[in-house]
C-alpha atoms as a PDB file:
ATOM      1  CA  ARG A   1      10.637  36.626 -52.874  1.00  0.00           C
ATOM      2  CA  TYR A   2      10.540  32.892 -52.460  1.00  0.00           C
ATOM      3  CA  PHE A   3      11.669  30.469 -55.012  1.00  0.00           C
ATOM      4  CA  GLN A   4      11.556  26.600 -55.119  1.00  0.00           C
ATOM      5  CA  ALA A   5      14.658  24.513 -55.848  1.00  0.00           C
ATOM      6  CA  SER A   6      15.507  20.956 -56.471  1.00  0.00           C
ATOM      7  CA  TYR A   7      17.733  19.827 -53.563  1.00  0.00           C
ATOM      8  CA  PRO A   8      20.054  16.922 -53.443  1.00  0.00           C
ATOM      9  CA  LEU A   9      19.384  14.594 -50.272  1.00  0.00           C
ATOM     10  CA  GLU A  10      23.066  15.584 -49.477  1.00  0.00           C
ATOM     11  CA  ARG A  11      21.603  18.931 -48.246  1.00  0.00           C
ATOM     12  CA  TYR A  12      19.457  17.756 -45.662  1.00  0.00           C
ATOM     13  CA  HIS A  13      22.255  17.699 -43.013  1.00  0.00           C
ATOM     14  CA  SER A  14      20.134  16.442 -40.200  1.00  0.00           C
ATOM     15  CA  LEU A  15      19.631  12.935 -41.982  1.00  0.00           C
ATOM     16  CA  ALA A  16      23.329  11.997 -41.028  1.00  0.00           C
ATOM     17  CA  ALA A  17      22.549  12.425 -37.235  1.00  0.00           C
ATOM     18  CA  PHE A  18      19.145  11.050 -37.401  1.00  0.00           C
ATOM     19  CA  GLY A  19      19.978   7.470 -36.929  1.00  0.00           C
ATOM     20  CA  GLY A  20      22.272   7.864 -34.224  1.00  0.00           C
ATOM     21  CA  ASN A  21      19.888  10.172 -32.181  1.00  0.00           C
ATOM     22  CA  LEU A  22      17.191   7.670 -32.688  1.00  0.00           C
ATOM     23  CA  THR A  23      19.416   4.891 -31.527  1.00  0.00           C
ATOM     24  CA  LYS A  24      20.213   6.848 -28.380  1.00  0.00           C
ATOM     25  CA  LEU A  25      16.440   7.455 -27.837  1.00  0.00           C
ATOM     26  CA  LEU A  26      15.878   3.681 -28.276  1.00  0.00           C
ATOM     27  CA  ALA A  27      18.395   2.946 -25.564  1.00  0.00           C
ATOM     28  CA  SER A  28      17.078   5.676 -23.195  1.00  0.00           C
ATOM     29  CA  VAL A  29      13.671   4.091 -23.635  1.00  0.00           C
ATOM     30  CA  ARG A  30      14.806   0.459 -23.052  1.00  0.00           C
ATOM     31  CA  SER A  31      17.027   1.522 -20.258  1.00  0.00           C
ATOM     32  CA  ASN A  32      14.001   2.693 -18.293  1.00  0.00           C
ATOM     33  CA  GLY A  33      12.072  -0.348 -18.764  1.00  0.00           C
ATOM     34  CA  ALA A  34       9.751   0.454 -21.450  1.00  0.00           C
ATOM     35  CA  GLU A  35       9.500  -0.996 -24.973  1.00  0.00           C
ATOM     36  CA  PRO A  36       9.535   1.558 -27.866  1.00  0.00           C
ATOM     37  CA  VAL A  37       7.417   1.735 -30.804  1.00  0.00           C
ATOM     38  CA  LEU A  38       8.844   3.583 -33.823  1.00  0.00           C
ATOM     39  CA  VAL A  39       6.155   5.423 -36.400  1.00  0.00           C
ATOM     40  CA  THR A  40       7.204   6.498 -39.738  1.00  0.00           C
ATOM     41  CA  GLN A  41       6.056  10.075 -40.627  1.00  0.00           C
ATOM     42  CA  ALA A  42       3.219  10.291 -42.839  1.00  0.00           C
ATOM     43  CA  SER A  43       2.856  13.318 -45.204  1.00  0.00           C
ATOM     44  CA  LEU A  44       0.944  14.610 -48.431  1.00  0.00           C
ATOM     45  CA  TYR A  45       4.048  14.416 -50.451  1.00  0.00           C
ATOM     46  CA  LYS A  46       3.732  12.198 -53.429  1.00  0.00           C
ATOM     47  CA  PRO A  47       5.448  12.091 -56.900  1.00  0.00           C
ATOM     48  CA  THR A  48       2.320  13.799 -58.588  1.00  0.00           C
ATOM     49  CA  MET A  49       0.307  16.229 -56.706  1.00  0.00           C
ATOM     50  CA  SER A  50      -2.784  18.201 -57.741  1.00  0.00           C
ATOM     51  CA  ALA A  51      -2.875  22.059 -57.839  1.00  0.00           C
ATOM     52  CA  ALA A  52      -4.830  22.060 -54.397  1.00  0.00           C
ATOM     53  CA  GLU A  53      -2.426  19.740 -52.649  1.00  0.00           C
ATOM     54  CA  GLN A  54       0.580  21.773 -53.937  1.00  0.00           C
ATOM     55  CA  GLU A  55      -1.318  24.937 -52.510  1.00  0.00           C
ATOM     56  CA  SER A  56      -1.601  23.394 -49.180  1.00  0.00           C
ATOM     57  CA  LEU A  57       2.126  22.874 -48.873  1.00  0.00           C
ATOM     58  CA  TRP A  58       4.109  25.257 -46.498  1.00  0.00           C
ATOM     59  CA  PHE A  59       6.710  23.427 -44.497  1.00  0.00           C
ATOM     60  CA  GLY A  60       9.618  23.913 -46.799  1.00  0.00           C
ATOM     61  CA  ARG A  61       8.943  27.759 -47.344  1.00  0.00           C
ATOM     62  CA  VAL A  62       8.367  28.311 -43.548  1.00  0.00           C
ATOM     63  CA  PHE A  63      10.952  26.164 -42.214  1.00  0.00           C
ATOM     64  CA  MET A  64      13.483  25.177 -44.873  1.00  0.00           C
ATOM     65  CA  ALA A  65      14.011  28.730 -46.563  1.00  0.00           C
ATOM     66  CA  THR A  66      17.616  29.781 -47.015  1.00  0.00           C
ATOM     67  CA  ARG A  67      18.503  33.632 -47.476  1.00  0.00           C
ATOM     68  CA  MET A  68      20.221  33.712 -51.162  1.00  0.00           C
ATOM     69  CA  GLY A  69      20.226  37.682 -50.934  1.00  0.00           C
ATOM     70  CA  PHE A  70      18.528  40.729 -50.382  1.00  0.00           C
ATOM     71  CA  ALA A  71      14.675  39.756 -49.949  1.00  0.00           C
ATOM     72  CA  ARG A  72      15.417  36.510 -51.951  1.00  0.00           C
ATOM     73  CA  TYR A  73      14.795  33.046 -50.323  1.00  0.00           C
ATOM     74  CA  GLU A  74      15.314  29.662 -51.778  1.00  0.00           C
ATOM     75  CA  TYR A  75      13.371  26.471 -50.446  1.00  0.00           C
ATOM     76  CA  PRO A  76      13.168  22.871 -51.595  1.00  0.00           C
ATOM     77  CA  ASP A  77      10.544  21.889 -53.871  1.00  0.00           C
ATOM     78  CA  ALA A  78       8.074  19.225 -52.940  1.00  0.00           C
ATOM     79  CA  GLU A  79       9.993  16.297 -54.736  1.00  0.00           C
ATOM     80  CA  SER A  80      13.165  17.125 -52.560  1.00  0.00           C
ATOM     81  CA  ILE A  81      11.115  17.142 -49.516  1.00  0.00           C
ATOM     82  CA  ARG A  82       9.459  13.778 -50.487  1.00  0.00           C
ATOM     83  CA  LEU A  83      12.511  12.315 -51.140  1.00  0.00           C
ATOM     84  CA  ALA A  84      14.210  13.335 -47.840  1.00  0.00           C
ATOM     85  CA  LEU A  85      10.971  12.273 -46.109  1.00  0.00           C
ATOM     86  CA  ALA A  86      11.318   9.037 -47.669  1.00  0.00           C
ATOM     87  CA  ALA A  87      15.084   8.651 -46.554  1.00  0.00           C
ATOM     88  CA  PHE A  88      14.065   9.699 -42.852  1.00  0.00           C
ATOM     89  CA  ASN A  89      11.317   6.977 -42.939  1.00  0.00           C
ATOM     90  CA  GLU A  90      13.651   4.567 -44.411  1.00  0.00           C
ATOM     91  CA  ALA A  91      16.099   5.204 -41.790  1.00  0.00           C
ATOM     92  CA  THR A  92      13.212   4.525 -39.114  1.00  0.00           C
ATOM     93  CA  ARG A  93      12.217   1.268 -40.725  1.00  0.00           C
ATOM     94  CA  THR A  94      15.939   0.241 -41.062  1.00  0.00           C
ATOM     95  CA  LEU A  95      16.505   1.002 -37.336  1.00  0.00           C
ATOM     96  CA  ALA A  96      13.408  -0.799 -36.246  1.00  0.00           C
ATOM     97  CA  ARG A  97      14.324  -3.822 -38.151  1.00  0.00           C
ATOM     98  CA  ASP A  98      18.078  -3.896 -36.995  1.00  0.00           C
ATOM     99  CA  ARG A  99      17.251  -2.984 -33.268  1.00  0.00           C
ATOM    100  CA  ASN A 100      14.054  -5.359 -32.989  1.00  0.00           C
ATOM    101  CA  VAL A 101      11.672  -2.555 -32.556  1.00  0.00           C
ATOM    102  CA  THR A 102       7.975  -2.525 -33.011  1.00  0.00           C
ATOM    103  CA  HIS A 103       7.332  -0.249 -36.171  1.00  0.00           C
ATOM    104  CA  VAL A 104       4.048   1.331 -37.342  1.00  0.00           C
ATOM    105  CA  ASP A 105       4.358   2.475 -41.086  1.00  0.00           C
ATOM    106  CA  GLY A 106       2.504   5.578 -40.533  1.00  0.00           C
ATOM    107  CA  ASP A 107       3.387   6.850 -44.058  1.00  0.00           C
ATOM    108  CA  ALA A 108       1.986   3.637 -45.739  1.00  0.00           C
ATOM    109  CA  ALA A 109      -1.047   3.622 -43.521  1.00  0.00           C
ATOM    110  CA  ILE A 110      -2.482   6.875 -44.454  1.00  0.00           C
ATOM    111  CA  PRO A 111      -3.390   7.681 -48.085  1.00  0.00           C
ATOM    112  CA  LYS A 112      -1.869  10.660 -49.480  1.00  0.00           C
ATOM    113  CA  SER A 113      -4.870  13.184 -50.151  1.00  0.00           C
ATOM    114  CA  LEU A 114      -6.473  16.294 -48.816  1.00  0.00           C
ATOM    115  CA  THR A 115      -9.038  14.111 -47.214  1.00  0.00           C
ATOM    116  CA  MET A 116      -6.245  12.825 -44.799  1.00  0.00           C
ATOM    117  CA  PHE A 117      -4.107  15.740 -44.510  1.00  0.00           C
ATOM    118  CA  GLU A 118      -4.903  19.646 -43.745  1.00  0.00           C
ATOM    119  CA  ASP A 119      -1.141  20.318 -45.325  1.00  0.00           C
ATOM    120  CA  ASP A 120       2.044  18.779 -45.652  1.00  0.00           C
ATOM    121  CA  CYS A 121       1.923  16.586 -42.621  1.00  0.00           C
ATOM    122  CA  HIS A 122      -0.976  17.741 -40.439  1.00  0.00           C
ATOM    123  CA  TYR A 123      -3.746  15.292 -40.182  1.00  0.00           C
ATOM    124  CA  THR A 124      -7.443  15.812 -40.851  1.00  0.00           C
ATOM    125  CA  VAL A 125      -9.680  14.034 -38.199  1.00  0.00           C
ATOM    126  CA  GLU A 126      -9.966  11.150 -40.806  1.00  0.00           C
ATOM    127  CA  GLY A 127      -6.336  11.011 -41.152  1.00  0.00           C
ATOM    128  CA  ALA A 128      -5.827  10.734 -37.378  1.00  0.00           C
ATOM    129  CA  ARG A 129      -8.291   8.220 -37.224  1.00  0.00           C
ATOM    130  CA  THR A 130      -6.849   6.106 -39.988  1.00  0.00           C
ATOM    131  CA  LEU A 131      -3.269   6.106 -38.082  1.00  0.00           C
ATOM    132  CA  ALA A 132      -5.220   5.464 -34.729  1.00  0.00           C
ATOM    133  CA  ASP A 133      -6.620   2.458 -36.271  1.00  0.00           C
ATOM    134  CA  ALA A 134      -3.262   0.980 -37.718  1.00  0.00           C
ATOM    135  CA  ALA A 135      -1.135   1.951 -34.597  1.00  0.00           C
ATOM    136  CA  PRO A 136      -2.870  -0.530 -32.226  1.00  0.00           C
ATOM    137  CA  ARG A 137      -2.982  -3.549 -34.931  1.00  0.00           C
ATOM    138  CA  GLU A 138       0.898  -3.295 -34.999  1.00  0.00           C
ATOM    139  CA  ILE A 139       1.474  -2.941 -31.342  1.00  0.00           C
ATOM    140  CA  ILE A 140      -1.061  -5.870 -30.448  1.00  0.00           C
ATOM    141  CA  SER A 141       0.590  -7.815 -33.341  1.00  0.00           C
ATOM    142  CA  ALA A 142       3.904  -7.333 -31.824  1.00  0.00           C
ATOM    143  CA  GLY A 143       2.745  -8.572 -28.503  1.00  0.00           C
ATOM    144  CA  LEU A 144       3.337  -5.399 -26.522  1.00  0.00           C
ATOM    145  CA  ILE A 145      -0.166  -5.389 -25.416  1.00  0.00           C
ATOM    146  CA  PRO A 146      -2.345  -8.465 -24.987  1.00  0.00           C
ATOM    147  CA  ALA A 147      -5.085  -8.712 -27.653  1.00  0.00           C
ATOM    148  CA  ALA A 148      -7.543  -9.744 -25.087  1.00  0.00           C
ATOM    149  CA  ALA A 149      -6.830  -6.594 -22.853  1.00  0.00           C
ATOM    150  CA  ALA A 150      -7.422  -4.366 -26.192  1.00  0.00           C
ATOM    151  CA  ARG A 151     -10.590  -6.218 -26.980  1.00  0.00           C
ATOM    152  CA  ASN A 152     -11.916  -5.472 -23.304  1.00  0.00           C
ATOM    153  CA  GLY A 153     -11.126  -1.744 -23.750  1.00  0.00           C
ATOM    154  CA  VAL A 154      -8.277  -1.684 -21.231  1.00  0.00           C
ATOM    155  CA  VAL A 155      -6.112   0.280 -23.756  1.00  0.00           C
ATOM    156  CA  GLY A 156      -9.239   1.786 -25.564  1.00  0.00           C
ATOM    157  CA  VAL A 157      -8.787  -0.344 -28.706  1.00  0.00           C
ATOM    158  CA  GLN A 158     -12.080  -2.136 -29.736  1.00  0.00           C
END
């Protein structure tokens, strides 16, 4: 049997290493002559979720379950995962700001609804289109791609 539990943020051990790993990735990208773009992780998680939205969640149960005994597993509840994702996204935003990296706030760009998400974090076609519309605006705004090239379809942006 699977049971949900409220997890404190400290229980997400990978959060501590996340910033360091992302910093190394940025350095590697830049050392190869490219300019990185960071995108926060959009998700369905929000403070109040409908029954249908709750039903669609599976990430915690599948990837975050901890065996607590014979045939007993515990996994973080939706609020715990929401807070953890918010912490990872904030780490991404902070790193982008501190390292002068272009940032696309995917989490803010996509409304948190089942019209945008199939489940916890996988987009519907509409959700993918929404992010695909937001990302080029930020990239062009940052000057990484000349606006004229984008208008002329050089990078597929209309």
